[in-house]
Every structure is written in structure tokens, then in C-alpha cells.
Amino acid sequence: MFFIGFKFLNKFNLLNKGFIFDGYYLVKGLSKFAVKSLAKNSLKIARPSLEATEASLKLTRVESLPKNLQTRPKWWKSTIDHLDANTPKDANGNFIDAKTLKPITGKKHIGHQNVTWRQYQENPENWLKTRDQVIKDYNDISNLGYESGSSNSSHGAKTKGL
């Protein structure tokens, strides 16, 4: 059996960030199918005596994700403008927290309501999306709302109605 050659791995800085499985050098976060597809289009060489184990990996959760999902996108101005115009306010003009339904008295935060950023990152359906598709999904108005800092950062508040 063959696996992705050293030249290919070094070019993409993938060497020593994976493990050998079924004769293929797997990079953490890529499926066996993806690695086989890459192997067909790269330099094939005989498997050398390389002992790479999963225990030797020191990747963080984010480093193990595809590149297009490793950094959080920025909010579009149109997203902020839409939330400003459509988020309910109380009698004092304070925005209402989308999760707790209480007025936001301090700094308002934009929060994901149904699918958090982390859940989005870890969903395999999103791994092959382009960066532009990720940014568009991140700014999807149907999944966003203003929250207080405490309900956004703690993830303690549950979205009403779910």
C-alpha cells in the first residue's frame, strides 16, 4: 500500500500531525476517503518505517479543524444593521436579550441562537465549505440575536421555545 509522500506532507506542513491507518498517513480531521483522494493526486512512495501515533499528536481542537473553520469570521455591517433595526427594545430603549428575554443594560453581544460557532465548526457537513460559505453562514440572521455578555459567554441561558 501507498500513502501520501513526504514531499507532499512537508509542503502542506502535515508531517507528524497524523497517524498511519490502513497504510495511509491520516491527518487529524481528515477522513480516510479524503486522504485516499489526496494520495491519488500526489506523489506515491512506499511506506517508510515511520512510527507516528495519535498519542504523539499535540493539536488543539481548533488546529484539528479544516483551515476554513479555524478562525471566527467578522460580523458584516449589514448583519449589525439588521439586528439594530429588528431586535425588540423595552420602554427605556434597551435591547431585549434573545435568550433570557430580559433587557440588556450593559454591552450587547451578538450570539448564535440555535447552532453555536463551536457546533458549526465540529459539524462534518461544514468541513468542505469554502471560507466565503462559512462567513455567509456565520452572518445568517435567522441564527443570530443580541444577548447580554453573561448569557452569551456562559452558554447558560437556553433559547426560548426550543
N, C-alpha and C. Protein backbone atom coordinates (compact mmCIF):
# COMPACT_ATOMS: atom_id res chain seq x y z
N MET A 1 0.83 -1.19 0.00
CA MET A 1 0.00 0.00 0.00
C MET A 1 0.87 1.25 0.00
N PHE A 2 0.27 2.32 -0.46
CA PHE A 2 0.97 3.60 -0.51
C PHE A 2 0.28 4.62 0.39
N PHE A 3 0.97 5.66 0.67
CA PHE A 3 0.37 6.78 1.41
C PHE A 3 0.94 8.07 0.87
N ILE A 4 0.43 9.17 1.33
CA ILE A 4 0.89 10.47 0.84
C ILE A 4 2.38 10.62 1.11
N GLY A 5 3.14 11.00 0.09
CA GLY A 5 4.58 11.09 0.21
C GLY A 5 5.07 12.20 1.11
N PHE A 6 6.31 12.08 1.56
CA PHE A 6 6.90 13.07 2.47
C PHE A 6 6.93 14.46 1.84
N LYS A 7 7.23 14.56 0.54
CA LYS A 7 7.30 15.87 -0.11
C LYS A 7 5.95 16.57 -0.02
N PHE A 8 4.88 15.82 -0.28
CA PHE A 8 3.54 16.39 -0.22
C PHE A 8 3.20 16.81 1.21
N LEU A 9 3.53 15.97 2.18
CA LEU A 9 3.21 16.29 3.58
C LEU A 9 3.97 17.51 4.06
N ASN A 10 5.26 17.58 3.71
CA ASN A 10 6.05 18.73 4.15
C ASN A 10 5.57 20.02 3.48
N LYS A 11 5.14 19.93 2.22
CA LYS A 11 4.66 21.10 1.51
C LYS A 11 3.47 21.73 2.24
N PHE A 12 2.61 20.92 2.78
CA PHE A 12 1.43 21.41 3.48
C PHE A 12 1.60 21.37 5.00
N ASN A 13 2.83 21.17 5.47
CA ASN A 13 3.13 21.17 6.90
C ASN A 13 2.26 20.18 7.67
N LEU A 14 2.08 18.99 7.11
CA LEU A 14 1.21 17.99 7.74
C LEU A 14 1.99 16.85 8.38
N LEU A 15 3.28 16.78 8.11
CA LEU A 15 4.06 15.68 8.65
C LEU A 15 4.06 15.72 10.17
N ASN A 16 3.94 14.59 10.80
CA ASN A 16 3.91 14.43 12.26
C ASN A 16 2.66 15.06 12.89
N LYS A 17 1.61 15.23 12.12
CA LYS A 17 0.35 15.73 12.67
C LYS A 17 -0.76 14.72 12.39
N GLY A 18 -0.40 13.47 12.26
CA GLY A 18 -1.39 12.46 11.94
C GLY A 18 -0.93 11.10 12.40
N PHE A 19 -1.55 10.06 11.88
CA PHE A 19 -1.18 8.71 12.26
C PHE A 19 -1.42 7.79 11.07
N ILE A 20 -0.77 6.65 11.09
CA ILE A 20 -0.89 5.71 9.98
C ILE A 20 -2.08 4.79 10.24
N PHE A 21 -2.94 4.67 9.24
CA PHE A 21 -4.12 3.82 9.34
C PHE A 21 -4.31 3.13 8.00
N ASP A 22 -4.33 1.82 8.00
CA ASP A 22 -4.58 1.06 6.79
C ASP A 22 -3.62 1.46 5.66
N GLY A 23 -2.38 1.75 6.03
CA GLY A 23 -1.38 2.09 5.02
C GLY A 23 -1.40 3.53 4.57
N TYR A 24 -2.30 4.34 5.10
CA TYR A 24 -2.39 5.75 4.73
C TYR A 24 -2.01 6.61 5.91
N TYR A 25 -1.30 7.67 5.63
CA TYR A 25 -0.93 8.62 6.67
C TYR A 25 -2.10 9.58 6.82
N LEU A 26 -2.86 9.44 7.89
CA LEU A 26 -4.05 10.25 8.10
C LEU A 26 -3.71 11.51 8.87
N VAL A 27 -4.23 12.61 8.41
CA VAL A 27 -4.08 13.88 9.10
C VAL A 27 -5.31 14.05 9.97
N LYS A 28 -5.09 14.42 11.23
CA LYS A 28 -6.22 14.55 12.14
C LYS A 28 -7.24 15.53 11.56
N GLY A 29 -8.49 15.13 11.52
CA GLY A 29 -9.54 15.98 10.99
C GLY A 29 -9.94 15.62 9.56
N LEU A 30 -9.13 14.80 8.88
CA LEU A 30 -9.48 14.37 7.53
C LEU A 30 -9.96 12.93 7.58
N SER A 31 -10.94 12.61 6.78
CA SER A 31 -11.45 11.25 6.72
C SER A 31 -10.50 10.38 5.89
N LYS A 32 -10.67 9.08 6.02
CA LYS A 32 -9.87 8.15 5.24
C LYS A 32 -10.11 8.38 3.75
N PHE A 33 -11.37 8.67 3.38
CA PHE A 33 -11.71 8.95 1.99
C PHE A 33 -10.95 10.17 1.47
N ALA A 34 -10.91 11.23 2.28
CA ALA A 34 -10.22 12.46 1.86
C ALA A 34 -8.74 12.19 1.66
N VAL A 35 -8.13 11.41 2.56
CA VAL A 35 -6.71 11.11 2.44
C VAL A 35 -6.44 10.27 1.20
N LYS A 36 -7.33 9.29 0.91
CA LYS A 36 -7.15 8.48 -0.29
C LYS A 36 -7.25 9.35 -1.54
N SER A 37 -8.17 10.31 -1.53
CA SER A 37 -8.31 11.22 -2.67
C SER A 37 -7.05 12.04 -2.85
N LEU A 38 -6.50 12.54 -1.75
CA LEU A 38 -5.26 13.30 -1.83
C LEU A 38 -4.11 12.42 -2.32
N ALA A 39 -4.08 11.18 -1.86
CA ALA A 39 -3.00 10.27 -2.23
C ALA A 39 -3.00 9.99 -3.72
N LYS A 40 -4.18 9.90 -4.33
CA LYS A 40 -4.26 9.63 -5.76
C LYS A 40 -3.66 10.77 -6.58
N ASN A 41 -3.71 11.97 -6.04
CA ASN A 41 -3.24 13.15 -6.76
C ASN A 41 -1.88 13.64 -6.29
N SER A 42 -1.19 12.85 -5.53
CA SER A 42 0.11 13.27 -5.02
C SER A 42 1.16 12.21 -5.32
N LEU A 43 2.38 12.52 -4.94
CA LEU A 43 3.49 11.60 -5.13
C LEU A 43 3.28 10.37 -4.26
N LYS A 44 3.30 9.19 -4.86
CA LYS A 44 3.12 7.95 -4.10
C LYS A 44 4.48 7.29 -3.92
N ILE A 45 4.79 6.94 -2.71
CA ILE A 45 6.04 6.25 -2.42
C ILE A 45 5.74 5.09 -1.48
N ALA A 46 6.67 4.18 -1.38
CA ALA A 46 6.48 3.05 -0.47
C ALA A 46 6.48 3.55 0.97
N ARG A 47 5.74 2.87 1.80
CA ARG A 47 5.62 3.28 3.20
C ARG A 47 6.95 3.09 3.92
N PRO A 48 7.53 4.16 4.45
CA PRO A 48 8.78 4.03 5.20
C PRO A 48 8.49 3.57 6.63
N SER A 49 9.54 3.29 7.36
CA SER A 49 9.35 2.86 8.74
C SER A 49 9.18 4.11 9.61
N LEU A 50 7.99 4.61 9.67
CA LEU A 50 7.69 5.82 10.43
C LEU A 50 6.67 5.46 11.50
N GLU A 51 7.01 5.71 12.74
CA GLU A 51 6.10 5.43 13.84
C GLU A 51 5.44 6.73 14.27
N ALA A 52 4.28 6.99 13.74
CA ALA A 52 3.51 8.17 14.14
C ALA A 52 2.24 7.68 14.82
N THR A 53 2.05 8.03 16.03
CA THR A 53 0.88 7.57 16.76
C THR A 53 0.00 8.75 17.14
N GLU A 54 -1.24 8.47 17.39
CA GLU A 54 -2.17 9.52 17.78
C GLU A 54 -1.75 10.14 19.11
N ALA A 55 -1.10 9.36 19.96
CA ALA A 55 -0.66 9.88 21.25
C ALA A 55 0.40 10.96 21.09
N SER A 56 1.15 10.92 19.99
CA SER A 56 2.19 11.92 19.79
C SER A 56 1.65 13.23 19.24
N LEU A 57 0.36 13.25 18.91
CA LEU A 57 -0.25 14.48 18.39
C LEU A 57 -0.45 15.47 19.51
N LYS A 58 -0.15 16.72 19.22
CA LYS A 58 -0.36 17.77 20.20
C LYS A 58 -1.16 18.90 19.57
N LEU A 59 -2.18 18.53 18.80
CA LEU A 59 -3.02 19.52 18.15
C LEU A 59 -4.13 19.97 19.09
N THR A 60 -4.44 21.24 19.05
CA THR A 60 -5.58 21.73 19.81
C THR A 60 -6.85 21.38 19.03
N ARG A 61 -7.99 21.60 19.65
CA ARG A 61 -9.26 21.33 18.99
C ARG A 61 -9.36 22.14 17.70
N VAL A 62 -8.99 23.40 17.76
CA VAL A 62 -9.10 24.28 16.59
C VAL A 62 -8.09 23.88 15.51
N GLU A 63 -6.87 23.51 15.88
CA GLU A 63 -5.86 23.11 14.89
C GLU A 63 -6.27 21.86 14.13
N SER A 64 -7.10 21.02 14.74
CA SER A 64 -7.52 19.79 14.08
C SER A 64 -8.65 20.02 13.08
N LEU A 65 -9.20 21.24 13.06
CA LEU A 65 -10.28 21.57 12.12
C LEU A 65 -9.71 21.98 10.77
N PRO A 66 -10.52 21.90 9.71
CA PRO A 66 -10.07 22.42 8.42
C PRO A 66 -9.75 23.91 8.53
N LYS A 67 -8.85 24.38 7.70
CA LYS A 67 -8.36 25.77 7.77
C LYS A 67 -9.49 26.80 7.69
N ASN A 68 -10.50 26.53 6.87
CA ASN A 68 -11.59 27.50 6.69
C ASN A 68 -12.45 27.67 7.93
N LEU A 69 -12.31 26.80 8.93
CA LEU A 69 -13.11 26.88 10.15
C LEU A 69 -12.28 27.23 11.39
N GLN A 70 -10.99 27.49 11.22
CA GLN A 70 -10.13 27.71 12.38
C GLN A 70 -10.27 29.09 13.00
N THR A 71 -10.64 30.08 12.23
CA THR A 71 -10.79 31.43 12.79
C THR A 71 -12.23 31.89 12.66
N ARG A 72 -12.68 32.58 13.69
CA ARG A 72 -14.05 33.08 13.72
C ARG A 72 -14.16 34.27 12.77
N PRO A 73 -15.18 34.26 11.88
CA PRO A 73 -15.34 35.39 10.96
C PRO A 73 -15.78 36.66 11.68
N LYS A 74 -15.72 37.77 10.98
CA LYS A 74 -16.19 39.06 11.50
C LYS A 74 -17.67 39.24 11.12
N TRP A 75 -18.34 40.10 11.87
CA TRP A 75 -19.74 40.41 11.56
C TRP A 75 -19.79 41.39 10.40
N TRP A 76 -20.71 41.16 9.48
CA TRP A 76 -20.94 42.12 8.41
C TRP A 76 -21.66 43.33 8.99
N LYS A 77 -21.43 44.49 8.40
CA LYS A 77 -22.14 45.70 8.82
C LYS A 77 -23.64 45.52 8.61
N SER A 78 -24.02 44.86 7.51
CA SER A 78 -25.45 44.64 7.23
C SER A 78 -26.10 43.74 8.29
N THR A 79 -25.33 42.82 8.87
CA THR A 79 -25.85 41.96 9.93
C THR A 79 -26.14 42.79 11.17
N ILE A 80 -25.20 43.65 11.55
CA ILE A 80 -25.38 44.51 12.73
C ILE A 80 -26.54 45.48 12.50
N ASP A 81 -26.60 46.07 11.31
CA ASP A 81 -27.69 47.00 10.99
C ASP A 81 -29.05 46.30 11.08
N HIS A 82 -29.13 45.07 10.58
CA HIS A 82 -30.39 44.31 10.63
C HIS A 82 -30.80 44.03 12.09
N LEU A 83 -29.84 43.62 12.91
CA LEU A 83 -30.15 43.35 14.31
C LEU A 83 -30.57 44.62 15.04
N ASP A 84 -29.89 45.73 14.76
CA ASP A 84 -30.26 47.02 15.38
C ASP A 84 -31.70 47.39 15.03
N ALA A 85 -32.08 47.17 13.79
CA ALA A 85 -33.41 47.58 13.32
C ALA A 85 -34.52 46.62 13.76
N ASN A 86 -34.20 45.35 13.96
CA ASN A 86 -35.25 44.34 14.18
C ASN A 86 -35.27 43.71 15.56
N THR A 87 -34.33 44.03 16.43
CA THR A 87 -34.34 43.47 17.78
C THR A 87 -35.29 44.29 18.65
N PRO A 88 -36.20 43.62 19.38
CA PRO A 88 -37.13 44.36 20.24
C PRO A 88 -36.41 45.11 21.35
N LYS A 89 -37.03 46.22 21.78
CA LYS A 89 -36.48 47.05 22.86
C LYS A 89 -37.54 47.21 23.94
N ASP A 90 -37.08 47.50 25.16
CA ASP A 90 -38.02 47.79 26.25
C ASP A 90 -38.40 49.27 26.23
N ALA A 91 -39.17 49.70 27.22
CA ALA A 91 -39.65 51.09 27.27
C ALA A 91 -38.51 52.09 27.41
N ASN A 92 -37.38 51.66 27.98
CA ASN A 92 -36.23 52.54 28.17
C ASN A 92 -35.29 52.55 26.96
N GLY A 93 -35.61 51.80 25.94
CA GLY A 93 -34.77 51.76 24.75
C GLY A 93 -33.66 50.72 24.80
N ASN A 94 -33.66 49.85 25.82
CA ASN A 94 -32.66 48.78 25.92
C ASN A 94 -33.09 47.59 25.06
N PHE A 95 -32.13 47.00 24.36
CA PHE A 95 -32.42 45.80 23.59
C PHE A 95 -32.82 44.67 24.53
N ILE A 96 -33.68 43.76 24.04
CA ILE A 96 -34.11 42.60 24.81
C ILE A 96 -33.19 41.43 24.46
N ASP A 97 -32.67 40.75 25.49
CA ASP A 97 -31.81 39.58 25.31
C ASP A 97 -32.61 38.47 24.62
N ALA A 98 -32.09 37.92 23.54
CA ALA A 98 -32.79 36.90 22.76
C ALA A 98 -32.95 35.59 23.53
N LYS A 99 -32.08 35.32 24.50
CA LYS A 99 -32.17 34.06 25.25
C LYS A 99 -32.97 34.20 26.54
N THR A 100 -32.71 35.26 27.29
CA THR A 100 -33.36 35.40 28.59
C THR A 100 -34.63 36.25 28.53
N LEU A 101 -34.80 36.98 27.45
CA LEU A 101 -35.93 37.91 27.26
C LEU A 101 -35.95 39.02 28.30
N LYS A 102 -34.78 39.35 28.85
CA LYS A 102 -34.63 40.46 29.80
C LYS A 102 -33.89 41.60 29.10
N PRO A 103 -34.07 42.84 29.57
CA PRO A 103 -33.36 43.97 28.95
C PRO A 103 -31.84 43.84 29.12
N ILE A 104 -31.11 44.25 28.10
CA ILE A 104 -29.65 44.26 28.15
C ILE A 104 -29.23 45.64 28.63
N THR A 105 -28.65 45.70 29.83
CA THR A 105 -28.27 47.00 30.39
C THR A 105 -26.81 47.35 30.10
N GLY A 106 -25.97 46.37 29.94
CA GLY A 106 -24.56 46.63 29.63
C GLY A 106 -24.31 46.53 28.14
N LYS A 107 -23.10 46.13 27.80
CA LYS A 107 -22.72 45.97 26.40
C LYS A 107 -23.49 44.80 25.79
N LYS A 108 -24.01 45.02 24.59
CA LYS A 108 -24.74 43.94 23.91
C LYS A 108 -23.77 43.09 23.10
N HIS A 109 -24.05 41.81 23.03
CA HIS A 109 -23.24 40.86 22.28
C HIS A 109 -24.13 40.22 21.22
N ILE A 110 -23.53 39.89 20.08
CA ILE A 110 -24.27 39.12 19.08
C ILE A 110 -24.02 37.66 19.39
N GLY A 111 -25.09 36.90 19.52
CA GLY A 111 -24.95 35.48 19.86
C GLY A 111 -25.69 34.60 18.88
N HIS A 112 -25.13 33.41 18.66
CA HIS A 112 -25.80 32.41 17.83
C HIS A 112 -26.87 31.73 18.68
N GLN A 113 -28.06 31.58 18.13
CA GLN A 113 -29.20 31.11 18.90
C GLN A 113 -29.41 29.60 18.83
N ASN A 114 -29.45 29.03 17.66
CA ASN A 114 -29.78 27.61 17.52
C ASN A 114 -28.53 26.73 17.38
N VAL A 115 -27.55 27.20 16.64
CA VAL A 115 -26.31 26.45 16.44
C VAL A 115 -25.15 27.36 16.84
N THR A 116 -24.40 26.97 17.84
CA THR A 116 -23.26 27.78 18.29
C THR A 116 -22.13 27.68 17.27
N TRP A 117 -21.16 28.58 17.37
CA TRP A 117 -20.00 28.56 16.47
C TRP A 117 -19.25 27.25 16.63
N ARG A 118 -19.09 26.77 17.84
CA ARG A 118 -18.37 25.52 18.07
C ARG A 118 -19.10 24.34 17.43
N GLN A 119 -20.42 24.28 17.58
CA GLN A 119 -21.20 23.21 16.95
C GLN A 119 -21.06 23.27 15.43
N TYR A 120 -21.07 24.48 14.90
CA TYR A 120 -20.91 24.67 13.45
C TYR A 120 -19.54 24.15 13.01
N GLN A 121 -18.49 24.51 13.77
CA GLN A 121 -17.13 24.08 13.43
C GLN A 121 -17.00 22.57 13.42
N GLU A 122 -17.62 21.91 14.37
CA GLU A 122 -17.43 20.47 14.53
C GLU A 122 -18.37 19.62 13.68
N ASN A 123 -19.29 20.24 12.96
CA ASN A 123 -20.21 19.52 12.09
C ASN A 123 -19.48 19.14 10.80
N PRO A 124 -19.32 17.85 10.51
CA PRO A 124 -18.59 17.42 9.31
C PRO A 124 -19.17 17.96 8.00
N GLU A 125 -20.46 18.30 7.98
CA GLU A 125 -21.07 18.85 6.77
C GLU A 125 -20.44 20.19 6.39
N ASN A 126 -19.84 20.89 7.35
CA ASN A 126 -19.27 22.21 7.09
C ASN A 126 -17.78 22.16 6.75
N TRP A 127 -17.14 21.01 6.86
CA TRP A 127 -15.70 20.91 6.69
C TRP A 127 -15.25 21.18 5.26
N LEU A 128 -16.08 20.93 4.29
CA LEU A 128 -15.67 21.12 2.90
C LEU A 128 -16.17 22.44 2.33
N LYS A 129 -16.82 23.27 3.14
CA LYS A 129 -17.30 24.56 2.67
C LYS A 129 -16.13 25.51 2.46
N THR A 130 -16.31 26.44 1.51
CA THR A 130 -15.29 27.46 1.29
C THR A 130 -15.36 28.48 2.41
N ARG A 131 -14.32 29.30 2.52
CA ARG A 131 -14.31 30.34 3.56
C ARG A 131 -15.47 31.32 3.36
N ASP A 132 -15.78 31.66 2.11
CA ASP A 132 -16.90 32.56 1.83
C ASP A 132 -18.23 31.97 2.29
N GLN A 133 -18.42 30.65 2.11
CA GLN A 133 -19.64 30.00 2.58
C GLN A 133 -19.71 30.01 4.10
N VAL A 134 -18.58 29.81 4.76
CA VAL A 134 -18.53 29.84 6.23
C VAL A 134 -18.91 31.23 6.74
N ILE A 135 -18.36 32.27 6.12
CA ILE A 135 -18.66 33.65 6.54
C ILE A 135 -20.14 33.96 6.33
N LYS A 136 -20.69 33.50 5.21
CA LYS A 136 -22.12 33.73 4.95
C LYS A 136 -22.98 33.02 6.00
N ASP A 137 -22.65 31.78 6.33
CA ASP A 137 -23.39 31.04 7.36
C ASP A 137 -23.26 31.71 8.72
N TYR A 138 -22.07 32.21 9.03
CA TYR A 138 -21.80 32.86 10.32
C TYR A 138 -22.68 34.10 10.50
N ASN A 139 -22.94 34.80 9.41
CA ASN A 139 -23.74 36.03 9.44
C ASN A 139 -25.21 35.80 9.12
N ASP A 140 -25.67 34.55 9.18
CA ASP A 140 -27.06 34.21 8.89
C ASP A 140 -27.97 34.80 9.97
N ILE A 141 -28.79 35.75 9.59
CA ILE A 141 -29.66 36.48 10.52
C ILE A 141 -30.60 35.55 11.28
N SER A 142 -31.06 34.48 10.66
CA SER A 142 -32.03 33.59 11.31
C SER A 142 -31.44 32.87 12.52
N ASN A 143 -30.12 32.89 12.68
CA ASN A 143 -29.47 32.20 13.79
C ASN A 143 -28.83 33.18 14.78
N LEU A 144 -29.14 34.47 14.66
CA LEU A 144 -28.47 35.48 15.48
C LEU A 144 -29.44 36.30 16.31
N GLY A 145 -28.94 36.84 17.40
CA GLY A 145 -29.71 37.76 18.23
C GLY A 145 -28.80 38.45 19.23
N TYR A 146 -29.24 39.61 19.73
CA TYR A 146 -28.46 40.30 20.76
C TYR A 146 -28.65 39.59 22.09
N GLU A 147 -27.56 39.51 22.86
CA GLU A 147 -27.58 38.89 24.18
C GLU A 147 -26.76 39.74 25.12
N SER A 148 -27.02 39.58 26.41
CA SER A 148 -26.15 40.22 27.41
C SER A 148 -24.83 39.45 27.42
N GLY A 149 -23.80 40.06 27.95
CA GLY A 149 -22.50 39.39 27.99
C GLY A 149 -22.53 38.09 28.77
N SER A 150 -23.28 38.07 29.88
CA SER A 150 -23.30 36.86 30.71
C SER A 150 -24.03 35.71 30.03
N SER A 151 -25.13 35.97 29.35
CA SER A 151 -25.83 34.86 28.70
C SER A 151 -25.11 34.39 27.44
N ASN A 152 -24.32 35.26 26.83
CA ASN A 152 -23.57 34.87 25.64
C ASN A 152 -22.34 34.05 26.02
N SER A 153 -21.57 34.51 26.99
CA SER A 153 -20.30 33.84 27.31
C SER A 153 -20.48 32.58 28.14
N SER A 154 -21.54 32.50 28.91
CA SER A 154 -21.70 31.33 29.79
C SER A 154 -22.41 30.19 29.10
N HIS A 155 -23.13 30.46 28.03
CA HIS A 155 -23.97 29.46 27.36
C HIS A 155 -24.96 28.85 28.34
N GLY A 156 -25.20 29.52 29.45
CA GLY A 156 -26.11 29.00 30.46
C GLY A 156 -27.56 29.21 30.11
N ALA A 157 -27.86 30.28 29.41
CA ALA A 157 -29.25 30.56 29.05
C ALA A 157 -29.65 29.68 27.87
N LYS A 158 -30.85 29.21 27.91
CA LYS A 158 -31.37 28.39 26.82
C LYS A 158 -32.25 29.26 25.94
N THR A 159 -32.22 29.00 24.65
CA THR A 159 -33.06 29.76 23.73
C THR A 159 -34.52 29.43 24.03
N LYS A 160 -35.34 30.45 24.17
CA LYS A 160 -36.75 30.26 24.46
C LYS A 160 -37.44 29.58 23.28
N GLY A 161 -38.30 28.63 23.62
CA GLY A 161 -39.10 27.96 22.59
C GLY A 161 -38.44 26.74 21.98
N LEU A 162 -37.24 26.39 22.39
CA LEU A 162 -36.59 25.19 21.83
C LEU A 162 -36.74 24.02 22.76
